[in-house]
Amino acid sequence: MSAETDTQTTTVYRVTGMTCGHCEGAVTAEISELPGVSSVKAVAATGEVTVVSAAPLDEEAVRAAVDEAGYELAGRA
């Protein structure tokens, strides 16, 4: 899912392997480092990560950030 507004894009990704608040923090920290990202909300219970950015993000960059955190990007939710 991806929604664009005049200034920001919100995209929801599905991430596998998150089980707790620490997992959410690790994924949030890595994705937050990507250029243009203004907010990240990871929810372990659903496996969804909502990212708000200035422009659509390169999915491979998101995948690399999630991999760096130790989890797997399953794609867009």
Protein backbone atom coordinates (compact mmCIF):
# COMPACT_ATOMS: atom_id res chain seq x y z
CA MET A 1 0.00 0.00 0.00
CA SER A 2 1.28 3.45 -0.85
CA ALA A 3 -0.49 6.79 -0.60
CA GLU A 4 0.89 10.08 -1.85
CA THR A 5 0.01 13.54 -0.63
CA ASP A 6 1.36 16.87 -1.84
CA THR A 7 4.43 16.61 0.36
CA GLN A 8 4.75 13.09 1.71
CA THR A 9 4.34 9.44 0.78
CA THR A 10 3.11 6.82 3.25
CA THR A 11 3.99 3.21 2.50
CA VAL A 12 3.20 0.11 4.55
CA TYR A 13 5.65 -2.79 4.36
CA ARG A 14 5.39 -6.31 5.77
CA VAL A 15 8.42 -7.44 7.77
CA THR A 16 8.84 -10.99 9.05
CA GLY A 17 10.63 -12.01 12.23
CA MET A 18 9.64 -9.14 14.53
CA THR A 19 8.36 -10.44 17.87
CA CYS A 20 8.83 -7.65 20.43
CA GLY A 21 9.46 -3.99 21.14
CA HIS A 22 13.21 -4.43 20.65
CA CYS A 23 12.54 -5.78 17.15
CA GLU A 24 10.33 -2.78 16.40
CA GLY A 25 13.08 -0.43 17.60
CA ALA A 26 15.77 -2.11 15.50
CA VAL A 27 13.70 -1.96 12.31
CA THR A 28 12.60 1.62 13.04
CA ALA A 29 16.19 2.76 13.64
CA GLU A 30 17.53 1.27 10.40
CA ILE A 31 14.72 2.53 8.15
CA SER A 32 14.87 5.98 9.81
CA GLU A 33 18.43 6.32 8.47
CA LEU A 34 17.22 6.29 4.85
CA PRO A 35 17.24 9.71 3.15
CA GLY A 36 13.87 11.44 3.09
CA VAL A 37 12.25 9.32 5.82
CA SER A 38 10.31 11.45 8.31
CA SER A 39 8.68 8.74 10.43
CA VAL A 40 8.61 4.99 10.91
CA LYS A 41 6.15 2.93 12.95
CA ALA A 42 6.85 -0.78 13.29
CA VAL A 43 4.27 -3.10 14.88
CA ALA A 44 5.58 -6.55 15.76
CA ALA A 45 2.10 -7.98 16.37
CA THR A 46 1.05 -7.36 12.76
CA GLY A 47 4.46 -7.39 11.08
CA GLU A 48 3.62 -4.06 9.47
CA VAL A 49 5.97 -1.12 9.20
CA THR A 50 4.48 2.22 8.16
CA VAL A 51 6.99 4.62 6.62
CA VAL A 52 6.34 8.29 5.87
CA SER A 53 8.86 9.83 3.47
CA ALA A 54 9.33 12.90 1.31
CA ALA A 55 9.16 10.76 -1.84
CA PRO A 56 8.59 7.07 -2.66
CA LEU A 57 11.50 4.99 -1.37
CA ASP A 58 13.53 2.50 -3.35
CA GLU A 59 12.26 -0.88 -2.14
CA GLU A 60 15.76 -2.36 -2.33
CA ALA A 61 17.04 0.35 0.04
CA VAL A 62 14.24 -0.51 2.47
CA ARG A 63 15.06 -4.21 2.09
CA ALA A 64 18.74 -3.54 2.87
CA ALA A 65 17.81 -1.52 5.98
CA VAL A 66 15.49 -4.29 7.23
CA ASP A 67 18.18 -6.90 6.52
CA GLU A 68 20.70 -4.81 8.48
CA ALA A 69 18.30 -4.87 11.45
CA GLY A 70 18.21 -8.68 11.20
CA TYR A 71 14.74 -9.16 9.72
CA GLU A 72 13.24 -9.84 6.31
CA LEU A 73 11.18 -7.55 4.12
CA ALA A 74 8.29 -9.56 2.72
CA GLY A 75 7.11 -6.71 0.50
CA ARG A 76 4.41 -4.09 0.66
CA ALA A 77 1.40 -4.79 2.83
